[in-house]
N, C-alpha and C. Protein backbone atom coordinates (compact mmCIF):
# COMPACT_ATOMS: atom_id res chain seq x y z
N MET A 1 93.51 105.00 92.84
CA MET A 1 92.11 105.18 92.50
C MET A 1 91.65 106.52 93.08
N PRO A 2 90.97 107.36 92.27
CA PRO A 2 90.47 108.62 92.80
C PRO A 2 89.42 108.38 93.88
N TYR A 3 89.43 109.18 94.89
CA TYR A 3 88.44 109.03 95.93
C TYR A 3 88.16 110.38 96.56
N ARG A 4 87.11 110.44 97.31
CA ARG A 4 86.72 111.64 98.02
C ARG A 4 86.94 111.39 99.50
N ARG A 5 87.52 112.33 100.19
CA ARG A 5 87.72 112.19 101.63
C ARG A 5 86.64 113.00 102.34
N ILE A 6 85.95 112.35 103.24
CA ILE A 6 84.90 112.99 104.01
C ILE A 6 85.29 112.92 105.47
N LEU A 7 85.34 114.04 106.13
CA LEU A 7 85.69 114.07 107.54
C LEU A 7 84.40 114.01 108.35
N VAL A 8 84.31 113.01 109.21
CA VAL A 8 83.13 112.81 110.04
C VAL A 8 83.52 113.09 111.48
N ASP A 9 82.87 114.07 112.09
CA ASP A 9 83.21 114.47 113.46
C ASP A 9 82.43 113.70 114.51
N ASP A 10 81.29 113.20 114.19
CA ASP A 10 80.40 112.57 115.17
C ASP A 10 80.81 111.12 115.42
N GLU A 11 81.07 110.78 116.67
CA GLU A 11 81.47 109.41 117.04
C GLU A 11 80.38 108.40 116.68
N ALA A 12 79.11 108.77 116.83
CA ALA A 12 78.00 107.86 116.50
C ALA A 12 77.98 107.54 115.01
N ILE A 13 78.26 108.54 114.19
CA ILE A 13 78.31 108.32 112.74
C ILE A 13 79.47 107.39 112.40
N ARG A 14 80.63 107.62 113.04
CA ARG A 14 81.79 106.77 112.79
C ARG A 14 81.48 105.32 113.10
N LYS A 15 80.84 105.09 114.24
CA LYS A 15 80.51 103.72 114.63
C LYS A 15 79.52 103.09 113.67
N SER A 16 78.60 103.88 113.11
CA SER A 16 77.62 103.31 112.18
C SER A 16 78.25 103.01 110.82
N PHE A 17 79.27 103.78 110.42
CA PHE A 17 79.92 103.54 109.14
C PHE A 17 80.83 102.32 109.17
N THR A 18 81.54 102.11 110.24
CA THR A 18 82.55 101.06 110.31
C THR A 18 82.02 99.68 109.97
N PRO A 19 80.93 99.18 110.59
CA PRO A 19 80.44 97.84 110.22
C PRO A 19 79.90 97.79 108.80
N ALA A 20 79.28 98.86 108.34
CA ALA A 20 78.69 98.88 107.01
C ALA A 20 79.75 98.83 105.93
N LEU A 21 80.91 99.40 106.20
CA LEU A 21 81.94 99.48 105.18
C LEU A 21 82.96 98.35 105.24
N SER A 22 82.92 97.55 106.28
CA SER A 22 83.89 96.46 106.35
C SER A 22 83.62 95.45 105.25
N GLY A 23 84.65 95.04 104.57
CA GLY A 23 84.52 94.06 103.49
C GLY A 23 84.06 94.65 102.17
N MET A 24 83.94 95.96 102.10
CA MET A 24 83.51 96.62 100.88
C MET A 24 84.68 97.41 100.31
N PRO A 25 84.56 97.89 99.06
CA PRO A 25 85.67 98.64 98.46
C PRO A 25 85.77 100.06 98.98
N TYR A 26 85.49 100.27 100.24
CA TYR A 26 85.64 101.55 100.89
C TYR A 26 86.56 101.36 102.07
N GLY A 27 87.19 102.40 102.52
CA GLY A 27 88.04 102.28 103.69
C GLY A 27 87.64 103.28 104.75
N VAL A 28 87.78 102.91 105.98
CA VAL A 28 87.52 103.82 107.09
C VAL A 28 88.83 103.93 107.87
N ASP A 29 89.35 105.13 107.95
CA ASP A 29 90.60 105.37 108.65
C ASP A 29 90.38 106.40 109.75
N THR A 30 91.24 106.36 110.76
CA THR A 30 91.15 107.39 111.79
C THR A 30 91.68 108.69 111.21
N ALA A 31 91.20 109.79 111.75
CA ALA A 31 91.63 111.10 111.27
C ALA A 31 93.09 111.32 111.64
N GLU A 32 93.70 112.23 110.92
CA GLU A 32 95.09 112.56 111.21
C GLU A 32 95.17 113.14 112.62
N SER A 33 96.35 113.04 113.22
CA SER A 33 96.50 113.50 114.61
C SER A 33 96.11 114.97 114.72
N GLY A 34 95.41 115.28 115.82
CA GLY A 34 94.99 116.65 116.06
C GLY A 34 93.60 116.96 115.50
N GLU A 35 93.03 116.07 114.68
CA GLU A 35 91.71 116.30 114.12
C GLU A 35 90.72 115.37 114.78
N LYS A 36 89.47 115.81 114.86
CA LYS A 36 88.42 114.94 115.37
C LYS A 36 87.80 114.21 114.19
N GLY A 37 87.29 113.02 114.44
CA GLY A 37 86.56 112.30 113.40
C GLY A 37 87.41 111.31 112.65
N ILE A 38 86.89 110.86 111.51
CA ILE A 38 87.58 109.90 110.67
C ILE A 38 87.48 110.31 109.21
N GLU A 39 88.26 109.68 108.35
CA GLU A 39 88.17 109.90 106.91
C GLU A 39 87.57 108.67 106.27
N ILE A 40 86.66 108.89 105.36
CA ILE A 40 86.04 107.79 104.63
C ILE A 40 86.42 107.96 103.16
N GLU A 41 87.09 106.96 102.60
CA GLU A 41 87.47 107.01 101.21
C GLU A 41 86.39 106.36 100.37
N ARG A 42 86.00 107.03 99.31
CA ARG A 42 84.90 106.51 98.50
C ARG A 42 85.18 106.79 97.03
N ALA A 43 84.95 105.80 96.19
CA ALA A 43 85.17 105.96 94.75
C ALA A 43 84.12 106.88 94.16
N TYR A 44 84.52 107.63 93.11
CA TYR A 44 83.58 108.54 92.46
C TYR A 44 82.54 107.80 91.63
N THR A 45 82.96 106.84 90.87
CA THR A 45 82.04 106.16 89.97
C THR A 45 82.12 104.66 90.17
N ARG A 46 81.09 103.97 89.70
CA ARG A 46 81.07 102.51 89.83
C ARG A 46 82.23 101.88 89.05
N SER A 47 82.51 102.38 87.86
CA SER A 47 83.55 101.77 87.04
C SER A 47 84.93 101.95 87.67
N GLU A 48 85.16 103.00 88.45
CA GLU A 48 86.46 103.21 89.05
C GLU A 48 86.71 102.29 90.24
N ARG A 49 85.65 101.84 90.92
CA ARG A 49 85.85 100.94 92.05
C ARG A 49 85.63 99.49 91.67
N MET A 50 85.30 99.25 90.42
CA MET A 50 85.01 97.92 89.92
C MET A 50 86.31 97.16 89.64
N GLU A 51 86.28 95.88 89.79
CA GLU A 51 87.43 95.08 89.42
C GLU A 51 87.60 95.11 87.91
N LYS A 52 88.71 94.58 87.44
CA LYS A 52 88.98 94.57 86.01
C LYS A 52 87.85 93.90 85.24
N ILE A 53 87.61 94.43 84.06
CA ILE A 53 86.58 93.90 83.17
C ILE A 53 87.28 93.20 82.01
N GLU A 54 86.89 91.96 81.74
CA GLU A 54 87.46 91.21 80.62
C GLU A 54 86.37 90.99 79.58
N ILE A 55 86.66 91.45 78.35
CA ILE A 55 85.70 91.37 77.26
C ILE A 55 86.36 90.71 76.06
N GLN A 56 85.60 89.82 75.41
CA GLN A 56 86.05 89.20 74.17
C GLN A 56 85.08 89.58 73.07
N LEU A 57 85.63 90.02 71.94
CA LEU A 57 84.81 90.34 70.78
C LEU A 57 85.17 89.38 69.65
N TYR A 58 84.19 88.60 69.22
CA TYR A 58 84.38 87.66 68.13
C TYR A 58 83.86 88.30 66.85
N VAL A 59 84.73 88.37 65.84
CA VAL A 59 84.39 88.93 64.54
C VAL A 59 84.73 87.93 63.45
N SER A 60 84.27 88.22 62.25
CA SER A 60 84.52 87.32 61.12
C SER A 60 85.23 88.08 60.01
N GLY A 61 86.55 87.99 60.01
CA GLY A 61 87.34 88.65 58.97
C GLY A 61 87.36 90.16 59.13
N GLU A 62 87.72 90.83 58.03
CA GLU A 62 87.81 92.29 58.03
C GLU A 62 86.66 92.90 57.26
N THR A 63 85.47 92.43 57.53
CA THR A 63 84.27 92.95 56.87
C THR A 63 83.90 94.30 57.46
N PRO A 64 83.09 95.09 56.73
CA PRO A 64 82.64 96.37 57.29
C PRO A 64 81.91 96.19 58.63
N ARG A 65 81.13 95.13 58.76
CA ARG A 65 80.41 94.88 60.01
C ARG A 65 81.39 94.59 61.16
N SER A 66 82.45 93.83 60.88
CA SER A 66 83.47 93.54 61.90
C SER A 66 84.19 94.81 62.31
N LYS A 67 84.57 95.63 61.32
CA LYS A 67 85.28 96.88 61.62
C LYS A 67 84.42 97.82 62.44
N LYS A 68 83.12 97.87 62.14
CA LYS A 68 82.20 98.72 62.89
C LYS A 68 82.08 98.25 64.34
N ALA A 69 82.01 96.93 64.54
CA ALA A 69 81.91 96.37 65.89
C ALA A 69 83.18 96.65 66.69
N ILE A 70 84.33 96.46 66.07
CA ILE A 70 85.62 96.72 66.75
C ILE A 70 85.72 98.18 67.16
N GLU A 71 85.37 99.07 66.25
CA GLU A 71 85.43 100.50 66.55
C GLU A 71 84.49 100.87 67.70
N ALA A 72 83.28 100.34 67.67
CA ALA A 72 82.29 100.65 68.71
C ALA A 72 82.77 100.18 70.09
N ILE A 73 83.29 98.96 70.16
CA ILE A 73 83.72 98.42 71.46
C ILE A 73 85.00 99.10 71.95
N GLU A 74 85.91 99.41 71.04
CA GLU A 74 87.11 100.14 71.46
C GLU A 74 86.75 101.51 72.02
N ASN A 75 85.77 102.18 71.40
CA ASN A 75 85.32 103.48 71.92
C ASN A 75 84.71 103.35 73.30
N ILE A 76 83.89 102.32 73.50
CA ILE A 76 83.28 102.09 74.81
C ILE A 76 84.36 101.84 75.86
N CYS A 77 85.35 101.02 75.52
CA CYS A 77 86.43 100.72 76.47
C CYS A 77 87.21 101.97 76.84
N GLN A 78 87.50 102.82 75.86
CA GLN A 78 88.30 104.02 76.11
C GLN A 78 87.50 105.10 76.82
N GLN A 79 86.27 105.34 76.38
CA GLN A 79 85.50 106.47 76.89
C GLN A 79 84.73 106.15 78.16
N GLU A 80 84.16 104.97 78.25
CA GLU A 80 83.28 104.66 79.37
C GLU A 80 83.94 103.82 80.46
N LEU A 81 84.78 102.88 80.06
CA LEU A 81 85.37 101.97 81.04
C LEU A 81 86.74 102.44 81.51
N LYS A 82 87.29 103.42 80.86
CA LYS A 82 88.48 104.17 81.28
C LYS A 82 89.60 103.34 81.89
N GLY A 83 90.11 102.41 81.12
CA GLY A 83 91.26 101.65 81.57
C GLY A 83 90.96 100.45 82.45
N ASN A 84 89.69 100.20 82.77
CA ASN A 84 89.34 99.05 83.59
C ASN A 84 89.06 97.81 82.76
N ALA A 85 89.08 97.94 81.45
CA ALA A 85 88.69 96.81 80.60
C ALA A 85 89.88 96.27 79.80
N THR A 86 89.88 94.94 79.67
CA THR A 86 90.81 94.26 78.78
C THR A 86 89.97 93.71 77.64
N LEU A 87 90.27 94.15 76.43
CA LEU A 87 89.52 93.73 75.25
C LEU A 87 90.37 92.79 74.42
N GLU A 88 89.81 91.61 74.13
CA GLU A 88 90.47 90.64 73.26
C GLU A 88 89.61 90.48 72.02
N ILE A 89 90.19 90.78 70.85
CA ILE A 89 89.46 90.66 69.59
C ILE A 89 89.88 89.35 68.93
N ILE A 90 88.90 88.51 68.63
CA ILE A 90 89.18 87.18 68.10
C ILE A 90 88.47 87.04 66.75
N ASP A 91 89.26 86.76 65.72
CA ASP A 91 88.70 86.52 64.39
C ASP A 91 88.39 85.03 64.30
N VAL A 92 87.12 84.70 64.09
CA VAL A 92 86.71 83.29 64.07
C VAL A 92 87.29 82.55 62.86
N LEU A 93 87.71 83.28 61.83
CA LEU A 93 88.34 82.63 60.67
C LEU A 93 89.75 82.16 61.03
N ASP A 94 90.41 82.91 61.90
CA ASP A 94 91.76 82.54 62.35
C ASP A 94 91.74 81.57 63.52
N ARG A 95 90.75 81.68 64.40
CA ARG A 95 90.68 80.87 65.61
C ARG A 95 89.32 80.20 65.76
N PRO A 96 88.97 79.28 64.85
CA PRO A 96 87.68 78.60 64.97
C PRO A 96 87.57 77.75 66.24
N ASP A 97 88.71 77.33 66.78
CA ASP A 97 88.69 76.53 68.01
C ASP A 97 88.15 77.33 69.19
N LEU A 98 88.53 78.61 69.29
CA LEU A 98 88.02 79.46 70.37
C LEU A 98 86.54 79.75 70.18
N ALA A 99 86.13 79.97 68.94
CA ALA A 99 84.72 80.22 68.66
C ALA A 99 83.88 79.00 69.03
N GLN A 100 84.39 77.82 68.73
CA GLN A 100 83.66 76.60 69.07
C GLN A 100 83.62 76.40 70.59
N LYS A 101 84.72 76.67 71.24
CA LYS A 101 84.78 76.52 72.70
C LYS A 101 83.76 77.44 73.39
N GLU A 102 83.60 78.65 72.88
CA GLU A 102 82.66 79.62 73.46
C GLU A 102 81.28 79.56 72.82
N THR A 103 81.07 78.58 71.95
CA THR A 103 79.80 78.39 71.21
C THR A 103 79.34 79.67 70.54
N VAL A 104 80.26 80.27 69.76
CA VAL A 104 79.93 81.47 68.98
C VAL A 104 79.45 81.00 67.62
N PHE A 105 78.16 81.30 67.33
CA PHE A 105 77.56 80.86 66.07
C PHE A 105 77.32 82.02 65.11
N ALA A 106 77.38 83.25 65.60
CA ALA A 106 77.17 84.43 64.78
C ALA A 106 78.16 85.50 65.20
N THR A 107 78.48 86.38 64.26
CA THR A 107 79.38 87.48 64.56
C THR A 107 78.72 88.78 64.14
N PRO A 108 79.05 89.87 64.78
CA PRO A 108 79.92 89.96 65.96
C PRO A 108 79.22 89.47 67.23
N THR A 109 80.01 88.84 68.08
CA THR A 109 79.54 88.41 69.40
C THR A 109 80.48 89.01 70.44
N LEU A 110 79.88 89.66 71.42
CA LEU A 110 80.64 90.25 72.51
C LEU A 110 80.35 89.46 73.77
N ILE A 111 81.41 89.01 74.44
CA ILE A 111 81.26 88.23 75.68
C ILE A 111 82.00 88.95 76.80
N LYS A 112 81.27 89.27 77.87
CA LYS A 112 81.90 89.84 79.07
C LYS A 112 82.19 88.66 79.98
N LYS A 113 83.47 88.37 80.19
CA LYS A 113 83.89 87.25 81.02
C LYS A 113 83.95 87.64 82.50
N LEU A 114 84.47 88.82 82.78
CA LEU A 114 84.57 89.33 84.14
C LEU A 114 84.09 90.77 84.16
N PRO A 115 83.49 91.24 85.21
CA PRO A 115 83.07 90.48 86.38
C PRO A 115 81.87 89.61 86.05
N VAL A 116 81.71 88.55 86.84
CA VAL A 116 80.59 87.65 86.64
C VAL A 116 79.30 88.38 87.00
N PRO A 117 78.19 88.03 86.42
CA PRO A 117 77.94 86.88 85.55
C PRO A 117 78.41 87.14 84.12
N ILE A 118 78.73 86.06 83.42
CA ILE A 118 79.12 86.15 82.02
C ILE A 118 77.91 86.60 81.22
N LYS A 119 78.13 87.56 80.33
CA LYS A 119 77.05 88.10 79.50
C LYS A 119 77.48 88.07 78.04
N ARG A 120 76.48 87.89 77.14
CA ARG A 120 76.74 87.86 75.69
C ARG A 120 75.83 88.84 74.97
N LEU A 121 76.39 89.46 73.95
CA LEU A 121 75.62 90.29 73.03
C LEU A 121 75.97 89.86 71.62
N ILE A 122 74.97 89.69 70.80
CA ILE A 122 75.19 89.26 69.41
C ILE A 122 74.58 90.30 68.49
N GLY A 123 75.33 90.69 67.47
CA GLY A 123 74.79 91.61 66.46
C GLY A 123 75.31 93.03 66.63
N ASP A 124 74.42 93.99 66.39
CA ASP A 124 74.76 95.41 66.39
C ASP A 124 75.24 95.86 67.77
N LEU A 125 76.44 96.43 67.81
CA LEU A 125 77.03 96.89 69.08
C LEU A 125 77.22 98.41 69.08
N SER A 126 76.54 99.11 68.19
CA SER A 126 76.76 100.54 68.02
C SER A 126 76.07 101.40 69.08
N ASN A 127 75.07 100.87 69.78
CA ASN A 127 74.36 101.63 70.80
C ASN A 127 75.10 101.46 72.14
N LYS A 128 75.90 102.47 72.48
CA LYS A 128 76.76 102.42 73.66
C LYS A 128 75.98 102.16 74.95
N GLU A 129 74.88 102.87 75.14
CA GLU A 129 74.10 102.72 76.36
C GLU A 129 73.52 101.30 76.48
N LYS A 130 73.03 100.77 75.36
CA LYS A 130 72.46 99.42 75.37
C LYS A 130 73.53 98.38 75.68
N VAL A 131 74.70 98.52 75.10
CA VAL A 131 75.80 97.57 75.34
C VAL A 131 76.18 97.58 76.81
N LEU A 132 76.38 98.76 77.39
CA LEU A 132 76.76 98.86 78.79
C LEU A 132 75.69 98.31 79.71
N LEU A 133 74.43 98.58 79.40
CA LEU A 133 73.33 98.10 80.22
C LEU A 133 73.20 96.58 80.13
N GLU A 134 73.26 96.03 78.93
CA GLU A 134 73.13 94.59 78.74
C GLU A 134 74.27 93.81 79.37
N LEU A 135 75.45 94.40 79.38
CA LEU A 135 76.60 93.73 80.00
C LEU A 135 76.66 93.98 81.49
N GLU A 136 75.69 94.71 82.03
CA GLU A 136 75.59 95.03 83.45
C GLU A 136 76.82 95.80 83.93
N LEU A 137 77.26 96.74 83.11
CA LEU A 137 78.39 97.59 83.48
C LEU A 137 77.93 98.97 83.95
N VAL A 138 76.64 99.24 83.83
CA VAL A 138 76.02 100.44 84.39
C VAL A 138 74.69 100.03 84.97
N VAL A 139 74.19 100.83 85.85
CA VAL A 139 72.89 100.56 86.47
C VAL A 139 71.85 101.38 85.74
N ALA A 140 70.72 100.76 85.38
CA ALA A 140 69.65 101.47 84.68
C ALA A 140 69.03 102.50 85.61
N GLU A 141 68.76 103.68 85.06
CA GLU A 141 68.10 104.72 85.83
C GLU A 141 66.60 104.47 85.81
N SER A 142 65.98 104.50 86.96
CA SER A 142 64.55 104.29 87.03
C SER A 142 63.84 105.57 86.66
N LYS A 143 62.77 105.45 85.88
CA LYS A 143 61.99 106.62 85.47
C LYS A 143 60.76 106.69 86.34
N VAL A 144 60.66 107.79 87.07
CA VAL A 144 59.55 107.95 87.99
C VAL A 144 58.52 108.86 87.39
């Protein structure tokens, strides 16, 4: 995972970082021999430090609407989620049992299984920002 190394020379800063970072996806290591301070490893983006994302897309046959939904979600997975997502495309005509199990009544339906909480989107999936925001895969920017 890409990370940034920050060298901290102040002992007080080191002590304040250690409890805050314990149990989080960051690491605190002692500096290499001969150097003062410590190294703090930190992920560049939220998606890079996030656990795997599991997404299911339910479509109905090879209709233009299904093809558009598949293309939109594949683009989001490749461009925005950069290898952290597993996408499963399920045709409800071929697997009605899975659609019934997940209570899918309309297509396209996108279900984010992991990370929790489970989220669903039904209908148009072409707005990349809206999809990512609704699935809680990005944090909304506050407008001041």
